[in-house]
N, C-alpha and C. Protein backbone atom coordinates (compact mmCIF):
# COMPACT_ATOMS: atom_id res chain seq x y z
N MET A 1 35.21 -9.99 -176.28
CA MET A 1 34.33 -8.87 -176.45
C MET A 1 33.15 -9.40 -177.38
N GLY A 2 31.93 -9.10 -177.03
CA GLY A 2 30.87 -9.47 -177.80
C GLY A 2 30.51 -8.49 -178.98
N CYS A 3 29.75 -8.95 -179.96
CA CYS A 3 29.48 -8.08 -181.08
C CYS A 3 28.76 -6.83 -180.72
N ALA A 4 27.98 -6.81 -179.70
CA ALA A 4 27.29 -5.58 -179.30
C ALA A 4 28.34 -4.47 -179.03
N SER A 5 29.37 -4.80 -178.26
CA SER A 5 30.45 -3.87 -177.97
C SER A 5 31.28 -3.51 -179.20
N CYS A 6 31.51 -4.55 -180.02
CA CYS A 6 32.29 -4.31 -181.19
C CYS A 6 31.57 -3.35 -182.16
N VAL A 7 30.32 -3.57 -182.39
CA VAL A 7 29.55 -2.76 -183.31
C VAL A 7 29.44 -1.35 -182.80
N LYS A 8 29.21 -1.21 -181.49
CA LYS A 8 29.16 0.12 -180.95
C LYS A 8 30.44 0.87 -181.13
N GLN A 9 31.59 0.25 -180.84
CA GLN A 9 32.85 0.90 -181.09
C GLN A 9 33.04 1.25 -182.56
N PHE A 10 32.68 0.30 -183.46
CA PHE A 10 32.84 0.46 -184.86
C PHE A 10 32.07 1.73 -185.33
N ASP A 11 30.78 1.82 -184.84
CA ASP A 11 29.91 2.94 -185.24
C ASP A 11 30.45 4.27 -184.60
N ASP A 12 30.85 4.18 -183.28
CA ASP A 12 31.38 5.43 -182.65
C ASP A 12 32.58 6.00 -183.29
N ALA A 13 33.42 5.11 -183.90
CA ALA A 13 34.62 5.50 -184.51
C ALA A 13 34.41 5.99 -186.00
N GLY A 14 33.15 5.90 -186.44
CA GLY A 14 32.82 6.38 -187.80
C GLY A 14 32.69 5.30 -188.83
N GLY A 15 32.78 4.04 -188.41
CA GLY A 15 32.72 2.92 -189.40
C GLY A 15 31.44 2.88 -190.18
N CYS A 16 30.32 3.20 -189.64
CA CYS A 16 29.08 3.09 -190.33
C CYS A 16 28.96 4.19 -191.52
N SER A 17 29.62 5.29 -191.29
CA SER A 17 29.55 6.38 -192.24
C SER A 17 30.80 6.34 -193.20
N ALA A 18 31.75 5.45 -192.97
CA ALA A 18 32.91 5.38 -193.79
C ALA A 18 32.61 4.79 -195.15
N PRO A 19 33.39 5.20 -196.21
CA PRO A 19 33.25 4.60 -197.52
C PRO A 19 33.45 3.08 -197.43
N GLU A 20 32.68 2.34 -198.19
CA GLU A 20 32.72 0.88 -198.07
C GLU A 20 34.12 0.25 -198.13
N ASP A 21 34.92 0.83 -198.99
CA ASP A 21 36.26 0.28 -199.09
C ASP A 21 37.20 0.65 -197.97
N LYS A 22 36.74 1.45 -197.02
CA LYS A 22 37.50 1.83 -195.90
C LYS A 22 37.00 1.31 -194.55
N THR A 23 35.89 0.61 -194.52
CA THR A 23 35.30 0.17 -193.28
C THR A 23 36.16 -0.78 -192.51
N VAL A 24 36.96 -1.53 -193.20
CA VAL A 24 37.90 -2.48 -192.49
C VAL A 24 38.83 -1.72 -191.52
N ASP A 25 39.09 -0.50 -191.85
CA ASP A 25 39.99 0.37 -190.95
C ASP A 25 39.39 0.63 -189.62
N TYR A 26 38.05 0.52 -189.55
CA TYR A 26 37.35 0.87 -188.27
C TYR A 26 36.94 -0.36 -187.45
N ILE A 27 37.28 -1.55 -187.86
CA ILE A 27 36.85 -2.72 -187.11
C ILE A 27 37.84 -2.90 -185.96
N PRO A 28 37.22 -2.90 -184.70
CA PRO A 28 38.09 -3.07 -183.50
C PRO A 28 38.80 -4.46 -183.45
N ALA A 29 39.96 -4.46 -182.82
CA ALA A 29 40.67 -5.78 -182.72
C ALA A 29 39.79 -6.87 -182.12
N GLY A 30 39.76 -8.06 -182.66
CA GLY A 30 39.02 -9.12 -182.11
C GLY A 30 37.54 -9.14 -182.56
N CYS A 31 37.15 -8.30 -183.51
CA CYS A 31 35.79 -8.17 -183.88
C CYS A 31 35.43 -8.53 -185.29
N ASP A 32 36.37 -9.30 -185.93
CA ASP A 32 36.17 -9.61 -187.34
C ASP A 32 34.90 -10.43 -187.56
N MET A 33 34.47 -11.22 -186.58
CA MET A 33 33.33 -12.09 -186.77
C MET A 33 31.96 -11.36 -186.64
N CYS A 34 32.02 -10.03 -186.44
CA CYS A 34 30.79 -9.32 -186.21
C CYS A 34 30.28 -8.59 -187.42
N GLY A 35 30.78 -8.93 -188.58
CA GLY A 35 30.28 -8.27 -189.80
C GLY A 35 28.85 -8.33 -190.04
N PRO A 36 28.16 -9.42 -189.91
CA PRO A 36 26.73 -9.46 -190.11
C PRO A 36 25.94 -8.51 -189.17
N VAL A 37 26.37 -8.42 -187.94
CA VAL A 37 25.66 -7.60 -186.94
C VAL A 37 25.93 -6.12 -187.33
N ALA A 38 27.18 -5.83 -187.67
CA ALA A 38 27.47 -4.38 -188.12
C ALA A 38 26.72 -4.01 -189.39
N GLU A 39 26.56 -4.93 -190.29
CA GLU A 39 25.83 -4.65 -191.52
C GLU A 39 24.42 -4.18 -191.15
N GLY A 40 23.73 -4.99 -190.34
CA GLY A 40 22.39 -4.66 -189.94
C GLY A 40 22.25 -3.33 -189.09
N TRP A 41 23.21 -3.22 -188.20
CA TRP A 41 23.27 -2.06 -187.34
C TRP A 41 23.43 -0.79 -188.15
N CYS A 42 24.39 -0.84 -189.05
CA CYS A 42 24.67 0.42 -189.89
C CYS A 42 23.57 0.53 -190.94
N GLY A 43 22.87 -0.47 -191.30
CA GLY A 43 21.87 -0.42 -192.29
C GLY A 43 20.56 0.11 -191.81
N GLY A 44 20.49 0.56 -190.52
CA GLY A 44 19.31 1.11 -190.04
C GLY A 44 18.55 0.34 -188.95
N CYS A 45 19.11 -0.90 -188.67
CA CYS A 45 18.43 -1.72 -187.72
C CYS A 45 18.88 -1.47 -186.28
N ASN A 46 19.83 -0.51 -186.07
CA ASN A 46 20.29 -0.23 -184.72
C ASN A 46 19.24 0.06 -183.69
N GLN A 47 18.36 0.91 -184.07
CA GLN A 47 17.24 1.30 -183.10
C GLN A 47 16.32 0.17 -182.84
N CYS A 48 16.04 -0.55 -183.86
CA CYS A 48 15.10 -1.75 -183.74
C CYS A 48 15.80 -2.78 -182.84
N ILE A 49 17.11 -3.07 -183.05
CA ILE A 49 17.76 -4.07 -182.28
C ILE A 49 17.89 -3.67 -180.81
N GLN A 50 18.14 -2.39 -180.53
CA GLN A 50 18.29 -1.92 -179.18
C GLN A 50 16.90 -2.00 -178.49
N LYS A 51 15.88 -1.52 -179.09
CA LYS A 51 14.58 -1.58 -178.51
C LYS A 51 14.10 -3.01 -178.23
N TRP A 52 14.31 -3.83 -179.21
CA TRP A 52 13.91 -5.26 -179.06
C TRP A 52 14.67 -5.89 -177.85
N ASP A 53 15.95 -5.63 -177.76
CA ASP A 53 16.70 -6.18 -176.68
C ASP A 53 16.25 -5.62 -175.31
N GLU A 54 16.08 -4.32 -175.26
CA GLU A 54 15.62 -3.70 -174.04
C GLU A 54 14.26 -4.24 -173.57
N ASP A 55 13.46 -4.71 -174.55
CA ASP A 55 12.10 -5.21 -174.23
C ASP A 55 12.19 -6.70 -173.94
N GLY A 56 13.40 -7.29 -173.89
CA GLY A 56 13.45 -8.67 -173.50
C GLY A 56 13.73 -9.64 -174.63
N GLY A 57 13.87 -9.22 -175.92
CA GLY A 57 13.99 -9.99 -177.06
C GLY A 57 15.12 -11.01 -176.94
N CYS A 58 16.30 -10.55 -176.64
CA CYS A 58 17.45 -11.51 -176.53
C CYS A 58 17.30 -12.42 -175.36
N MET A 59 16.70 -11.97 -174.29
CA MET A 59 16.48 -12.83 -173.10
C MET A 59 15.48 -13.92 -173.52
N TYR A 60 14.42 -13.64 -174.21
CA TYR A 60 13.46 -14.59 -174.65
C TYR A 60 14.07 -15.59 -175.63
N MET A 61 14.88 -15.09 -176.58
CA MET A 61 15.48 -15.99 -177.54
C MET A 61 16.46 -16.96 -176.94
N THR A 62 17.25 -16.52 -176.00
CA THR A 62 18.22 -17.38 -175.40
C THR A 62 17.51 -18.40 -174.49
N ALA A 63 16.32 -18.04 -174.03
CA ALA A 63 15.59 -19.00 -173.18
C ALA A 63 14.73 -19.89 -174.01
N GLY A 64 14.70 -19.74 -175.33
CA GLY A 64 13.97 -20.64 -176.22
C GLY A 64 12.53 -20.26 -176.32
N SER A 65 12.19 -19.03 -175.99
CA SER A 65 10.79 -18.52 -176.01
C SER A 65 10.56 -17.68 -177.29
N SER A 66 10.53 -18.27 -178.39
CA SER A 66 10.46 -17.51 -179.63
C SER A 66 9.18 -16.74 -179.79
N ALA A 67 8.04 -17.30 -179.28
CA ALA A 67 6.76 -16.52 -179.35
C ALA A 67 6.89 -15.19 -178.61
N GLU A 68 7.50 -15.26 -177.37
CA GLU A 68 7.64 -14.03 -176.59
C GLU A 68 8.62 -13.12 -177.31
N ALA A 69 9.63 -13.63 -177.88
CA ALA A 69 10.58 -12.81 -178.62
C ALA A 69 9.97 -12.06 -179.78
N GLU A 70 9.12 -12.82 -180.49
CA GLU A 70 8.37 -12.21 -181.60
C GLU A 70 7.38 -11.15 -181.15
N SER A 71 6.85 -11.37 -179.98
CA SER A 71 5.81 -10.42 -179.44
C SER A 71 6.42 -9.01 -179.15
N VAL A 72 7.70 -8.89 -178.93
CA VAL A 72 8.34 -7.64 -178.59
C VAL A 72 9.07 -6.99 -179.74
N ILE A 73 8.85 -7.50 -180.94
CA ILE A 73 9.53 -6.94 -182.09
C ILE A 73 8.84 -5.54 -182.38
N PRO A 74 9.66 -4.44 -182.36
CA PRO A 74 9.07 -3.14 -182.58
C PRO A 74 8.42 -3.05 -183.93
N GLU A 75 7.43 -2.22 -184.02
CA GLU A 75 6.73 -2.00 -185.29
C GLU A 75 7.61 -1.49 -186.34
N GLY A 76 7.55 -2.09 -187.55
CA GLY A 76 8.38 -1.70 -188.68
C GLY A 76 9.77 -2.29 -188.68
N CYS A 77 10.04 -3.23 -187.84
CA CYS A 77 11.43 -3.76 -187.63
C CYS A 77 11.48 -5.26 -188.02
N ASP A 78 10.49 -5.78 -188.73
CA ASP A 78 10.50 -7.14 -189.08
C ASP A 78 11.78 -7.55 -189.96
N GLU A 79 12.16 -6.68 -190.82
CA GLU A 79 13.35 -6.91 -191.69
C GLU A 79 14.66 -7.00 -190.89
N CYS A 80 14.72 -6.64 -189.65
CA CYS A 80 15.92 -6.65 -188.90
C CYS A 80 16.15 -7.98 -188.06
N GLY A 81 15.27 -8.90 -188.28
CA GLY A 81 15.33 -10.09 -187.45
C GLY A 81 16.65 -10.86 -187.54
N VAL A 82 17.10 -11.07 -188.71
CA VAL A 82 18.40 -11.82 -188.85
C VAL A 82 19.57 -11.16 -188.13
N TYR A 83 19.50 -9.78 -188.22
CA TYR A 83 20.63 -9.07 -187.49
C TYR A 83 20.42 -9.11 -186.00
N ALA A 84 19.14 -9.05 -185.60
CA ALA A 84 18.89 -9.11 -184.13
C ALA A 84 19.33 -10.44 -183.56
N LEU A 85 19.05 -11.51 -184.29
CA LEU A 85 19.47 -12.84 -183.77
C LEU A 85 20.95 -12.96 -183.72
N ALA A 86 21.70 -12.42 -184.72
CA ALA A 86 23.15 -12.45 -184.70
C ALA A 86 23.66 -11.58 -183.53
N TYR A 87 22.97 -10.47 -183.23
CA TYR A 87 23.36 -9.68 -182.13
C TYR A 87 23.23 -10.43 -180.85
N CYS A 88 22.06 -11.10 -180.66
CA CYS A 88 21.88 -11.84 -179.44
C CYS A 88 22.88 -13.05 -179.22
N GLU A 89 23.26 -13.64 -180.28
CA GLU A 89 24.21 -14.70 -180.23
C GLU A 89 25.60 -14.28 -179.74
N THR A 90 25.85 -13.04 -179.80
CA THR A 90 27.24 -12.51 -179.50
C THR A 90 27.20 -11.61 -178.32
N VAL A 91 26.12 -11.29 -177.66
CA VAL A 91 26.05 -10.34 -176.55
C VAL A 91 26.72 -11.00 -175.39
């Protein structure tokens, strides 16, 4: 399972809104490596990452077209770049 699915399950189960000391209880099996993606997702980058991916961001990044990937970054989402890259690496 890729991190996109893991993080969605984590969020749907209440992981993003859980107290920090309880978040481990919400991590789906096999998803331990997705912490950085979940951190960005829960920290407010979820809409940025989804929009960027829908607009071809992950496709451009995996094809090595960084200029095109940068051209579809939604306005106000520059701080989400590291999380978006981690998301794409695990989709």
